[in-house]
Amino acid sequence: MVAAVVALLVQMAVAMVTAAVEQTPTIDEPVYVGAAVDSLHHHRVRYNPEHPPLGKLIIATGVAFARPHLDAGFTGDQTALGRHVLYEAGNDPWRLMLCARLPMIALTLLFGLVVFAFARELTGPVGGAVALALYAFSPDVIAHGSLATLDVPAAGFLLTSVWLLWRARLRPRWHLPLAGVALGAALATKMSMLAAVPVLLLLTVLSVWYARRTHHRTPSDHMRSLGIGVAVAAAMALIAVAVVWATYLLVDPRLRWTPTGPVPAVQGLRGLAVHWLPLPEAYRDGMRIQFGFEQDTWRGFLLGRRYLGSLWYYLPVALLVKTPLGMLALWSAGAVTMLMVPRLRPAAPYVLVPAAVLLLAALDGARNLGVRYAIFLPMFLAVAAAGLMAVRRRWVYGATLALVLFVAVSSLRTYPYYLPYSNEAFGGPSRTHLRLHDSNVDWGQDLGRLADRLRERYRGERIWLVYKGSGVPSAYGIHASDPRRAAPDEVRGLLVVSDSSIAQATGRLAALIDGSRPIDEVGHSITIYRR
């Protein structure tokens, strides 16, 4: 079994490191890297307040090895900071991004061990291997675990907290404080994890009640256990809050905080909740900024349809497109099994309820920008899928193995283009851009690959480029003009367009695309046309 675990994690590591080496910065990464570099140089919380500092501190542990330069006199917003650090301050953007991504890769692999351990405790070592295989071959986990972003670490810390709460049913003294630390780490990485806090506090009460069940002889004993559980849950909440404070203090012991931009006013119950939370002012201002984002109107794209605003069913449909078919089958069967099999039923509140609550919260979000907002599902539901090993039927074992192999083949076939993955029912990675956009397919990651392609096949040709991303094309040797700023009859040669821009194209860009002939594609995220 040790060999199987090592083999699964090694293949996952190879996939993630390959992606980290080959991909240029995605849209969000320069902001996080810039904030990490600023904290290294100035020891302050100043940029990217809409996300707490822990994820950027983790990024900083890798960035520090690159010894990045930052001009002392820099002034600008967080977007300009990221561009400055990567392209204007004399740093090597390839080396800097790899150093920023490596700590996240290591953390993603460690969360794989949590998935394995959680599932093994529920169903044995074979179930643990099934869960780890689903996790290690998940295209979404590989894609986002190889980036210097916050989605995977936040979800992984939350899963770790839930696993520790499950273990606390037997040894509460050791595991409950650690669960509080892990919950605090999740909250200190991404604020969206706040939606799961009430669930985890209820699970804390449940774990204490289970731990004391041998003392339950009278109704008063049950009430006493519940009271102790509530007290322990309050203590766990305090530990989580302390971890959040500690992350801010680690960046800046003086807790200096001056917003660099406008902070929206939040009214009603949300405003009261933000005001009374016992968290640093910078964290509460970050929550206000996040709530402000939810008031904006975002452009969406789903199954070939452009729209303004959000659709409540966006995430379920996007997950249906981007999750391997075998994985969907195993998730569903595992969740049903966990509810039906008596010996697994006690684990259902720990595995299924946090994932369901976070998914419901994500469905209500205004930003239909990618399945990364539900990256916790491949983690929690991998554990649920292991429940099939509790069904003592040979055909169940055979079917599970076949589906796991199907997932593995589907994942390996998309190597190294994990970000634009879609399953076979929707045509695979080459057709994802016809149904989804943004971080589902084209997040700016293929600018370097585009540069290589243009040098190899189209040297000396006139390039017209519409690129959706944070990279600077000239830094990779791409010298191009914007076709939207020229007369249509002047746009001749190669028209290169990011697929997210194609999905949202209207007006002049749409007319240019319609009058062009597609001749090539790069990374399943950029299309090259001939005019």
Protein backbone atom coordinates (compact mmCIF):
# COMPACT_ATOMS: atom_id res chain seq x y z
CA MET A 1 0.00 0.00 0.00
CA VAL A 2 2.90 2.36 0.70
CA ALA A 3 4.11 1.82 -2.86
CA ALA A 4 0.65 2.67 -4.25
CA VAL A 5 0.48 5.88 -2.21
CA VAL A 6 3.95 6.92 -3.30
CA ALA A 7 3.21 6.14 -6.95
CA LEU A 8 -0.01 8.16 -6.94
CA LEU A 9 1.62 11.17 -5.30
CA VAL A 10 4.66 10.99 -7.59
CA GLN A 11 2.51 11.07 -10.73
CA MET A 12 0.56 13.97 -9.27
CA ALA A 13 3.77 15.80 -8.42
CA VAL A 14 5.11 15.28 -11.96
CA ALA A 15 1.87 16.62 -13.45
CA MET A 16 1.82 19.69 -11.21
CA VAL A 17 5.52 20.52 -11.57
CA THR A 18 5.23 20.21 -15.35
CA ALA A 19 2.30 22.63 -15.33
CA ALA A 20 4.16 24.99 -13.00
CA VAL A 21 7.23 25.02 -15.23
CA GLU A 22 5.40 25.45 -18.55
CA GLN A 23 2.58 27.86 -17.68
CA THR A 24 2.90 31.63 -17.60
CA PRO A 25 1.12 33.58 -14.84
CA THR A 26 -2.63 33.18 -14.66
CA ILE A 27 -4.81 36.22 -14.10
CA ASP A 28 -4.82 36.08 -10.28
CA GLU A 29 -1.28 34.91 -9.57
CA PRO A 30 0.67 38.17 -10.09
CA VAL A 31 -1.48 39.90 -7.48
CA TYR A 32 -0.71 37.22 -4.88
CA VAL A 33 2.97 37.09 -5.79
CA GLY A 34 3.24 40.87 -5.70
CA ALA A 35 1.57 40.99 -2.28
CA ALA A 36 3.93 38.25 -1.05
CA VAL A 37 6.99 40.17 -2.28
CA ASP A 38 5.72 43.39 -0.71
CA SER A 39 5.25 41.65 2.63
CA LEU A 40 8.79 40.27 2.42
CA HIS A 41 10.26 43.71 1.78
CA HIS A 42 8.05 45.93 3.93
CA HIS A 43 6.43 43.59 6.51
CA ARG A 44 2.98 45.05 6.09
CA VAL A 45 -0.54 44.10 5.04
CA ARG A 46 -1.21 46.54 2.25
CA TYR A 47 -2.15 44.82 -1.02
CA ASN A 48 -4.86 42.29 -1.84
CA PRO A 49 -6.84 42.83 1.40
CA GLU A 50 -9.81 40.87 0.00
CA HIS A 51 -7.87 37.72 0.88
CA PRO A 52 -6.18 37.08 4.25
CA PRO A 53 -2.39 36.73 4.39
CA LEU A 54 -1.72 33.03 5.07
CA GLY A 55 -1.81 31.87 1.46
CA LYS A 56 0.49 34.71 0.47
CA LEU A 57 2.82 33.86 3.36
CA ILE A 58 3.05 30.33 1.98
CA ILE A 59 3.81 31.75 -1.46
CA ALA A 60 6.44 33.98 0.15
CA THR A 61 8.31 30.94 1.51
CA GLY A 62 9.05 29.98 -2.08
CA VAL A 63 9.44 33.48 -3.49
CA ALA A 64 12.12 34.25 -0.90
CA PHE A 65 14.48 31.80 -2.63
CA ALA A 66 14.28 33.88 -5.82
CA ARG A 67 15.47 36.99 -3.91
CA PRO A 68 13.01 39.25 -5.76
CA HIS A 69 13.66 42.93 -6.30
CA LEU A 70 11.04 45.58 -5.55
CA ASP A 71 11.57 49.27 -6.22
CA ALA A 72 11.32 51.15 -2.94
CA GLY A 73 9.48 54.02 -4.61
CA PHE A 74 6.81 51.92 -6.28
CA THR A 75 3.32 53.37 -6.18
CA GLY A 76 0.30 51.73 -7.72
CA ASP A 77 -2.50 49.28 -7.07
CA GLN A 78 -2.17 45.54 -6.60
CA THR A 79 -2.49 44.79 -10.31
CA ALA A 80 0.31 47.21 -11.14
CA LEU A 81 2.36 45.74 -8.29
CA GLY A 82 2.14 42.24 -9.74
CA ARG A 83 3.16 43.48 -13.19
CA HIS A 84 6.01 45.49 -11.69
CA VAL A 85 7.40 42.58 -9.67
CA LEU A 86 7.25 40.11 -12.56
CA TYR A 87 8.21 42.29 -15.52
CA GLU A 88 9.59 45.68 -14.51
CA ALA A 89 11.83 45.23 -11.46
CA GLY A 90 14.52 43.09 -13.10
CA ASN A 91 13.22 39.73 -11.83
CA ASP A 92 13.07 36.55 -13.93
CA PRO A 93 9.31 35.90 -14.28
CA TRP A 94 9.78 32.18 -15.03
CA ARG A 95 11.95 31.56 -11.96
CA LEU A 96 9.84 33.76 -9.71
CA MET A 97 6.59 32.02 -10.67
CA LEU A 98 8.08 28.55 -10.21
CA CYS A 99 9.36 29.49 -6.76
CA ALA A 100 5.91 30.86 -5.89
CA ARG A 101 4.14 27.71 -7.08
CA LEU A 102 6.35 25.05 -5.49
CA PRO A 103 5.09 25.57 -1.89
CA MET A 104 1.51 25.20 -3.14
CA ILE A 105 2.43 21.98 -4.93
CA ALA A 106 3.97 20.59 -1.74
CA LEU A 107 0.88 21.58 0.24
CA THR A 108 -1.43 19.96 -2.33
CA LEU A 109 0.51 16.70 -2.01
CA LEU A 110 0.24 16.84 1.79
CA PHE A 111 -3.52 17.27 1.50
CA GLY A 112 -3.49 14.09 -0.57
CA LEU A 113 -2.15 12.29 2.50
CA VAL A 114 -5.05 13.74 4.51
CA VAL A 115 -7.51 12.38 1.94
CA PHE A 116 -5.84 8.97 2.14
CA ALA A 117 -5.76 8.92 5.95
CA PHE A 118 -9.39 10.05 6.29
CA ALA A 119 -10.67 7.44 3.83
CA ARG A 120 -8.49 4.68 5.32
CA GLU A 121 -9.94 5.28 8.77
CA LEU A 122 -13.44 4.93 7.33
CA THR A 123 -13.01 1.93 5.02
CA GLY A 124 -9.49 0.53 5.32
CA PRO A 125 -6.32 0.85 3.21
CA VAL A 126 -7.99 -0.09 -0.08
CA GLY A 127 -10.60 2.62 0.43
CA GLY A 128 -7.80 5.05 1.24
CA ALA A 129 -6.08 4.17 -2.04
CA VAL A 130 -9.32 4.68 -3.99
CA ALA A 131 -9.81 8.12 -2.43
CA LEU A 132 -6.20 9.12 -3.04
CA ALA A 133 -6.39 7.96 -6.66
CA LEU A 134 -9.45 10.14 -7.30
CA TYR A 135 -7.73 13.09 -5.65
CA ALA A 136 -4.38 12.56 -7.38
CA PHE A 137 -5.95 12.19 -10.84
CA SER A 138 -8.43 15.07 -10.46
CA PRO A 139 -7.66 17.47 -13.34
CA ASP A 140 -9.04 20.41 -11.34
CA VAL A 141 -6.93 19.67 -8.25
CA ILE A 142 -3.83 19.20 -10.40
CA ALA A 143 -4.54 22.39 -12.36
CA HIS A 144 -5.15 24.65 -9.37
CA GLY A 145 -2.79 22.88 -7.00
CA SER A 146 0.06 23.80 -9.35
CA LEU A 147 -0.73 27.53 -9.20
CA ALA A 148 0.20 30.20 -6.68
CA THR A 149 -3.46 30.75 -5.82
CA LEU A 150 -5.61 30.25 -2.73
CA ASP A 151 -8.44 27.87 -3.65
CA VAL A 152 -6.69 24.54 -3.01
CA PRO A 153 -4.94 25.49 0.26
CA ALA A 154 -8.14 26.94 1.77
CA ALA A 155 -10.13 23.81 0.91
CA GLY A 156 -7.31 21.53 2.05
CA PHE A 157 -7.03 23.19 5.44
CA LEU A 158 -10.78 22.85 5.89
CA LEU A 159 -10.69 19.16 5.00
CA THR A 160 -7.86 18.70 7.50
CA SER A 161 -9.97 20.33 10.20
CA VAL A 162 -12.90 18.03 9.44
CA TRP A 163 -10.65 14.95 9.49
CA LEU A 164 -9.26 15.98 12.88
CA LEU A 165 -12.80 16.47 14.19
CA TRP A 166 -13.63 12.94 13.04
CA ARG A 167 -10.60 11.62 14.90
CA ALA A 168 -11.60 13.63 17.97
CA ARG A 169 -14.49 11.23 18.50
CA LEU A 170 -11.89 8.86 20.00
CA ARG A 171 -9.13 11.20 21.22
CA PRO A 172 -10.63 14.66 21.67
CA ARG A 173 -7.86 16.06 23.85
CA TRP A 174 -5.28 15.82 21.10
CA HIS A 175 -7.32 16.42 17.99
CA LEU A 176 -9.77 19.20 18.86
CA PRO A 177 -7.11 21.92 19.34
CA LEU A 178 -5.44 20.86 16.09
CA ALA A 179 -8.82 21.01 14.34
CA GLY A 180 -9.16 24.59 15.58
CA VAL A 181 -5.75 25.45 14.18
CA ALA A 182 -6.61 23.92 10.80
CA LEU A 183 -9.93 25.78 10.70
CA GLY A 184 -8.10 29.01 11.51
CA ALA A 185 -5.66 28.30 8.67
CA ALA A 186 -8.58 27.88 6.25
CA LEU A 187 -10.11 31.17 7.39
CA ALA A 188 -6.72 32.88 7.19
CA THR A 189 -6.35 31.75 3.58
CA LYS A 190 -9.73 32.53 2.05
CA MET A 191 -12.81 34.20 3.49
CA SER A 192 -15.25 31.95 1.64
CA MET A 193 -14.44 29.27 4.23
CA LEU A 194 -16.45 31.29 6.78
CA ALA A 195 -19.59 29.62 5.43
CA ALA A 196 -18.42 26.30 6.88
CA VAL A 197 -17.70 27.59 10.39
CA PRO A 198 -21.19 26.90 11.86
CA VAL A 199 -21.06 23.36 10.46
CA LEU A 200 -17.64 22.66 11.95
CA LEU A 201 -18.69 24.02 15.33
CA LEU A 202 -21.70 21.69 15.31
CA LEU A 203 -19.40 18.82 14.34
CA THR A 204 -17.24 19.74 17.33
CA VAL A 205 -20.23 19.32 19.62
CA LEU A 206 -21.03 16.01 17.93
CA SER A 207 -17.46 14.75 18.36
CA VAL A 208 -17.46 15.62 22.06
CA TRP A 209 -20.81 13.92 22.49
CA TYR A 210 -19.45 10.76 20.81
CA ALA A 211 -16.28 10.89 22.90
CA ARG A 212 -18.34 10.96 26.11
CA ARG A 213 -20.99 8.45 25.05
CA THR A 214 -19.75 5.84 27.57
CA HIS A 215 -20.80 8.28 30.31
CA HIS A 216 -24.37 8.56 29.01
CA ARG A 217 -26.57 6.81 31.56
CA THR A 218 -29.27 9.37 32.23
CA PRO A 219 -30.79 12.31 30.33
CA SER A 220 -28.78 14.66 32.52
CA ASP A 221 -25.59 12.98 31.31
CA HIS A 222 -26.61 13.66 27.71
CA MET A 223 -27.26 17.31 28.54
CA ARG A 224 -23.95 17.58 30.34
CA SER A 225 -22.14 16.20 27.27
CA LEU A 226 -23.93 18.68 25.05
CA GLY A 227 -22.96 21.53 27.36
CA ILE A 228 -19.33 20.43 27.35
CA GLY A 229 -19.50 20.16 23.56
CA VAL A 230 -20.76 23.71 23.24
CA ALA A 231 -17.98 24.95 25.51
CA VAL A 232 -15.37 23.07 23.49
CA ALA A 233 -16.81 24.44 20.24
CA ALA A 234 -16.46 27.96 21.65
CA ALA A 235 -12.85 27.20 22.57
CA MET A 236 -12.22 25.85 19.07
CA ALA A 237 -13.66 29.05 17.59
CA LEU A 238 -11.30 31.07 19.76
CA ILE A 239 -8.35 29.00 18.55
CA ALA A 240 -9.37 29.63 14.93
CA VAL A 241 -9.68 33.36 15.58
CA ALA A 242 -6.27 33.36 17.26
CA VAL A 243 -4.73 31.72 14.19
CA VAL A 244 -6.20 34.44 11.96
CA TRP A 245 -4.78 37.14 14.23
CA ALA A 246 -1.41 35.34 14.28
CA THR A 247 -1.13 35.40 10.49
CA TYR A 248 -1.65 39.16 10.39
CA LEU A 249 0.81 39.65 13.25
CA LEU A 250 3.35 37.47 11.48
CA VAL A 251 3.25 39.80 8.48
CA ASP A 252 3.18 43.01 10.53
CA PRO A 253 3.56 42.88 14.35
CA ARG A 254 2.30 46.48 14.50
CA LEU A 255 -0.88 45.64 12.57
CA ARG A 256 -0.66 48.73 10.41
CA TRP A 257 -3.56 48.93 8.00
CA THR A 258 -4.51 51.69 5.61
CA PRO A 259 -6.73 50.74 2.64
CA THR A 260 -5.14 51.51 -0.72
CA GLY A 261 -8.53 51.77 -2.38
CA PRO A 262 -12.18 52.33 -1.55
CA VAL A 263 -13.81 49.91 0.90
CA PRO A 264 -17.54 49.43 0.21
CA ALA A 265 -20.05 50.04 2.98
CA VAL A 266 -21.95 46.87 3.87
CA GLN A 267 -25.44 47.29 5.28
CA GLY A 268 -27.94 45.03 7.00
CA LEU A 269 -27.14 41.76 8.73
CA ARG A 270 -23.96 41.33 6.73
CA GLY A 271 -22.74 44.71 7.89
CA LEU A 272 -23.48 43.89 11.52
CA ALA A 273 -21.76 40.52 11.23
CA VAL A 274 -18.65 42.09 9.71
CA HIS A 275 -18.60 44.83 12.35
CA TRP A 276 -18.83 42.48 15.33
CA LEU A 277 -16.47 39.73 14.15
CA PRO A 278 -13.47 39.58 16.53
CA LEU A 279 -10.98 39.70 13.67
CA PRO A 280 -8.41 42.28 12.49
CA GLU A 281 -9.72 45.39 10.79
CA ALA A 282 -7.89 44.44 7.61
CA TYR A 283 -9.77 41.11 7.55
CA ARG A 284 -13.12 42.82 8.07
CA ASP A 285 -12.34 45.35 5.34
CA GLY A 286 -11.46 42.42 3.10
CA MET A 287 -14.91 40.96 3.79
CA ARG A 288 -16.49 44.27 2.84
CA ILE A 289 -14.56 44.25 -0.44
CA GLN A 290 -15.72 40.69 -1.12
CA PHE A 291 -19.33 41.64 -0.45
CA GLY A 292 -18.80 44.56 -2.82
CA PHE A 293 -17.71 42.14 -5.54
CA GLU A 294 -20.95 40.26 -5.02
CA GLN A 295 -22.85 43.44 -5.85
CA ASP A 296 -21.08 43.82 -9.20
CA THR A 297 -22.49 42.47 -12.44
CA TRP A 298 -20.16 39.94 -14.04
CA ARG A 299 -20.13 38.51 -17.55
CA GLY A 300 -20.81 34.79 -17.74
CA PHE A 301 -20.51 32.11 -20.40
CA LEU A 302 -22.10 28.67 -20.18
CA LEU A 303 -22.71 26.06 -22.89
CA GLY A 304 -22.10 28.62 -25.62
CA ARG A 305 -24.36 31.29 -24.14
CA ARG A 306 -23.14 34.74 -23.07
CA TYR A 307 -25.04 36.41 -20.25
CA LEU A 308 -24.78 39.14 -17.63
CA GLY A 309 -25.13 38.36 -13.94
CA SER A 310 -25.07 34.86 -12.47
CA LEU A 311 -26.92 31.58 -12.87
CA TRP A 312 -27.61 29.45 -9.81
CA TYR A 313 -27.04 26.28 -11.83
CA TYR A 314 -23.71 27.43 -13.30
CA LEU A 315 -21.49 25.44 -10.94
CA PRO A 316 -23.41 22.14 -11.21
CA VAL A 317 -23.29 22.32 -15.01
CA ALA A 318 -19.64 23.38 -15.07
CA LEU A 319 -18.76 20.52 -12.72
CA LEU A 320 -20.63 18.13 -15.00
CA VAL A 321 -18.46 19.31 -17.89
CA LYS A 322 -15.11 19.40 -16.10
CA THR A 323 -15.22 16.33 -13.85
CA PRO A 324 -14.14 12.94 -15.24
CA LEU A 325 -17.15 10.73 -15.88
CA GLY A 326 -15.84 7.91 -13.70
CA MET A 327 -15.31 10.37 -10.89
CA LEU A 328 -18.88 11.64 -11.12
CA ALA A 329 -20.14 8.06 -10.88
CA LEU A 330 -17.93 7.25 -7.89
CA TRP A 331 -18.81 10.49 -6.08
CA SER A 332 -22.52 9.79 -6.43
CA ALA A 333 -22.31 6.12 -5.49
CA GLY A 334 -20.01 6.88 -2.57
CA ALA A 335 -22.31 9.57 -1.16
CA VAL A 336 -25.33 7.25 -1.36
CA THR A 337 -23.34 4.42 0.23
CA MET A 338 -22.24 6.65 3.07
CA LEU A 339 -25.88 7.45 3.82
CA MET A 340 -27.10 3.86 3.47
CA VAL A 341 -24.44 1.69 5.13
CA PRO A 342 -24.91 1.76 8.92
CA ARG A 343 -21.23 1.70 9.85
CA LEU A 344 -20.48 4.63 7.53
CA ARG A 345 -23.50 6.72 8.45
CA PRO A 346 -21.80 8.43 11.43
CA ALA A 347 -19.22 9.85 9.00
CA ALA A 348 -21.82 11.39 6.68
CA PRO A 349 -22.18 14.65 8.67
CA TYR A 350 -18.40 15.09 8.55
CA VAL A 351 -17.84 14.30 4.88
CA LEU A 352 -21.03 15.36 3.12
CA VAL A 353 -22.49 18.24 5.13
CA PRO A 354 -19.50 20.68 4.98
CA ALA A 355 -19.19 20.09 1.23
CA ALA A 356 -22.92 20.60 0.72
CA VAL A 357 -22.98 23.84 2.73
CA LEU A 358 -19.98 25.27 0.90
CA LEU A 359 -21.53 24.32 -2.44
CA LEU A 360 -24.81 26.02 -1.54
CA ALA A 361 -22.89 29.14 -0.55
CA ALA A 362 -20.97 29.04 -3.85
CA LEU A 363 -24.19 28.67 -5.86
CA ASP A 364 -25.30 32.01 -4.48
CA GLY A 365 -22.13 33.77 -5.66
CA ALA A 366 -22.20 36.47 -8.31
CA ARG A 367 -19.02 35.30 -10.08
CA ASN A 368 -19.57 32.47 -12.58
CA LEU A 369 -15.86 32.23 -13.31
CA GLY A 370 -14.86 28.63 -12.71
CA VAL A 371 -15.17 25.35 -10.84
CA ARG A 372 -12.28 26.49 -8.65
CA TYR A 373 -14.95 27.99 -6.40
CA ALA A 374 -15.97 24.39 -5.67
CA ILE A 375 -12.49 22.86 -5.52
CA PHE A 376 -13.39 21.37 -2.13
CA LEU A 377 -15.68 18.82 -3.84
CA PRO A 378 -12.88 16.65 -5.33
CA MET A 379 -11.40 16.46 -1.82
CA PHE A 380 -14.45 15.66 0.29
CA LEU A 381 -16.16 13.47 -2.30
CA ALA A 382 -13.00 11.44 -2.89
CA VAL A 383 -13.34 10.41 0.76
CA ALA A 384 -17.02 9.67 0.23
CA ALA A 385 -16.23 7.50 -2.81
CA ALA A 386 -14.05 5.30 -0.63
CA GLY A 387 -17.25 4.24 1.14
CA LEU A 388 -17.89 1.82 -1.72
CA MET A 389 -15.21 -0.42 -0.22
CA ALA A 390 -17.56 -1.00 2.72
CA VAL A 391 -19.95 -2.83 0.41
CA ARG A 392 -18.82 -6.45 0.58
CA ARG A 393 -19.58 -7.37 -3.00
CA ARG A 394 -17.02 -8.54 -5.54
CA TRP A 395 -18.78 -6.73 -8.39
CA VAL A 396 -18.59 -3.46 -6.46
CA TYR A 397 -14.82 -3.85 -6.10
CA GLY A 398 -14.51 -4.61 -9.82
CA ALA A 399 -16.70 -1.70 -10.89
CA THR A 400 -14.83 0.70 -8.59
CA LEU A 401 -11.47 -0.38 -9.96
CA ALA A 402 -12.72 0.00 -13.53
CA LEU A 403 -14.04 3.51 -12.85
CA VAL A 404 -10.82 4.55 -11.11
CA LEU A 405 -8.84 3.35 -14.13
CA PHE A 406 -11.22 5.28 -16.41
CA VAL A 407 -10.54 8.42 -14.35
CA ALA A 408 -6.79 7.83 -14.52
CA VAL A 409 -6.80 7.38 -18.30
CA SER A 410 -8.97 10.48 -18.80
CA SER A 411 -6.65 12.53 -16.60
CA LEU A 412 -3.42 11.26 -18.15
CA ARG A 413 -4.72 11.94 -21.66
CA THR A 414 -5.08 15.65 -20.91
CA TYR A 415 -1.46 15.98 -19.70
CA PRO A 416 -0.08 18.64 -19.49
CA TYR A 417 -3.18 20.77 -20.23
CA TYR A 418 -5.14 20.28 -17.03
CA LEU A 419 -6.73 23.72 -16.73
CA PRO A 420 -8.91 23.38 -19.88
CA TYR A 421 -9.91 19.78 -19.11
CA SER A 422 -13.42 18.59 -19.87
CA ASN A 423 -14.62 15.01 -19.92
CA GLU A 424 -15.27 12.81 -22.93
CA ALA A 425 -19.02 13.45 -22.96
CA PHE A 426 -18.29 17.12 -23.76
CA GLY A 427 -15.54 16.55 -26.29
CA GLY A 428 -12.44 16.75 -24.12
CA PRO A 429 -10.05 19.68 -23.52
CA SER A 430 -10.03 20.86 -27.13
CA ARG A 431 -13.73 21.75 -26.94
CA THR A 432 -14.01 23.16 -23.42
CA HIS A 433 -13.82 26.72 -24.75
CA LEU A 434 -17.10 26.17 -26.60
CA ARG A 435 -18.92 25.67 -23.29
CA LEU A 436 -17.00 27.50 -20.55
CA HIS A 437 -14.55 30.36 -20.15
CA ASP A 438 -12.18 32.06 -17.71
CA SER A 439 -10.42 29.80 -15.17
CA ASN A 440 -12.22 26.76 -16.58
CA VAL A 441 -10.18 26.89 -19.76
CA ASP A 442 -8.25 30.09 -20.47
CA TRP A 443 -6.77 31.94 -17.51
CA GLY A 444 -3.82 33.46 -19.34
CA GLN A 445 -1.61 30.41 -18.72
CA ASP A 446 -0.38 29.77 -22.27
CA LEU A 447 1.41 32.97 -23.22
CA GLY A 448 4.80 31.23 -23.09
CA ARG A 449 3.54 28.33 -25.20
CA LEU A 450 2.16 30.85 -27.69
CA ALA A 451 5.57 32.50 -27.95
CA ASP A 452 7.17 29.13 -28.70
CA ARG A 453 4.55 28.32 -31.32
CA LEU A 454 4.94 31.65 -33.10
CA ARG A 455 8.74 31.22 -33.23
CA GLU A 456 8.49 27.65 -34.48
CA ARG A 457 5.77 27.99 -37.15
CA TYR A 458 5.07 31.64 -37.89
CA ARG A 459 8.38 33.48 -37.66
CA GLY A 460 8.33 36.86 -39.36
CA GLU A 461 4.54 37.12 -39.73
CA ARG A 462 2.49 40.12 -38.57
CA ILE A 463 0.78 39.30 -35.26
CA TRP A 464 -2.47 40.78 -34.02
CA LEU A 465 -3.20 39.73 -30.45
CA VAL A 466 -6.17 39.84 -28.08
CA TYR A 467 -4.82 38.24 -24.90
CA LYS A 468 -6.86 37.79 -21.72
CA GLY A 469 -4.38 37.47 -18.90
CA SER A 470 -1.88 39.15 -16.62
CA GLY A 471 1.24 38.29 -18.58
CA VAL A 472 3.09 40.86 -20.66
CA PRO A 473 3.44 39.46 -24.21
CA SER A 474 6.64 41.40 -25.03
CA ALA A 475 8.37 39.81 -22.01
CA TYR A 476 8.08 36.47 -23.81
CA GLY A 477 9.16 37.78 -27.20
CA ILE A 478 5.68 38.35 -28.63
CA HIS A 479 5.47 41.66 -30.46
CA ALA A 480 1.90 42.20 -31.55
CA SER A 481 -0.72 44.89 -32.10
CA ASP A 482 -4.27 45.11 -30.84
CA PRO A 483 -6.63 44.52 -33.80
CA ARG A 484 -9.45 46.37 -32.04
CA ARG A 485 -7.51 49.62 -32.43
CA ALA A 486 -6.98 49.31 -36.19
CA ALA A 487 -9.24 49.52 -39.20
CA PRO A 488 -10.55 46.05 -40.17
CA ASP A 489 -8.86 46.12 -43.60
CA GLU A 490 -5.50 46.70 -41.89
CA VAL A 491 -5.75 43.53 -39.81
CA ARG A 492 -3.94 41.05 -42.03
CA GLY A 493 -1.68 38.18 -41.07
CA LEU A 494 -2.22 36.19 -37.88
CA LEU A 495 -5.07 37.04 -35.53
CA VAL A 496 -4.38 35.43 -32.14
CA VAL A 497 -7.21 35.47 -29.61
CA SER A 498 -7.58 34.03 -26.10
CA ASP A 499 -10.54 31.67 -26.01
CA SER A 500 -12.14 33.57 -23.11
CA SER A 501 -12.11 36.66 -25.30
CA ILE A 502 -13.67 34.66 -28.14
CA ALA A 503 -16.44 33.51 -25.79
CA GLN A 504 -17.29 37.12 -24.92
CA ALA A 505 -16.56 38.63 -28.32
CA THR A 506 -18.98 41.25 -29.66
CA GLY A 507 -18.78 44.16 -32.06
CA ARG A 508 -15.46 44.68 -33.86
CA LEU A 509 -13.70 41.64 -32.38
CA ALA A 510 -16.59 39.34 -33.29
CA ALA A 511 -16.53 40.69 -36.86
CA LEU A 512 -12.78 40.16 -37.12
CA ILE A 513 -13.12 36.57 -35.90
CA ASP A 514 -15.99 35.88 -38.30
CA GLY A 515 -13.86 37.09 -41.19
CA SER A 516 -10.89 34.91 -40.26
CA ARG A 517 -9.96 31.25 -40.71
CA PRO A 518 -8.81 29.23 -37.66
CA ILE A 519 -5.54 27.48 -38.44
CA ASP A 520 -4.02 26.52 -35.07
CA GLU A 521 -4.56 26.42 -31.32
CA VAL A 522 -2.23 26.64 -28.33
CA GLY A 523 -2.82 24.75 -25.07
CA HIS A 524 -6.57 24.48 -25.81
CA SER A 525 -6.83 28.09 -24.61
CA ILE A 526 -5.66 30.31 -27.49
CA THR A 527 -6.82 30.17 -31.11
CA ILE A 528 -4.74 31.36 -34.08
CA TYR A 529 -6.59 32.66 -37.13
CA ARG A 530 -5.38 33.58 -40.59
CA ARG A 531 -6.58 36.84 -42.16
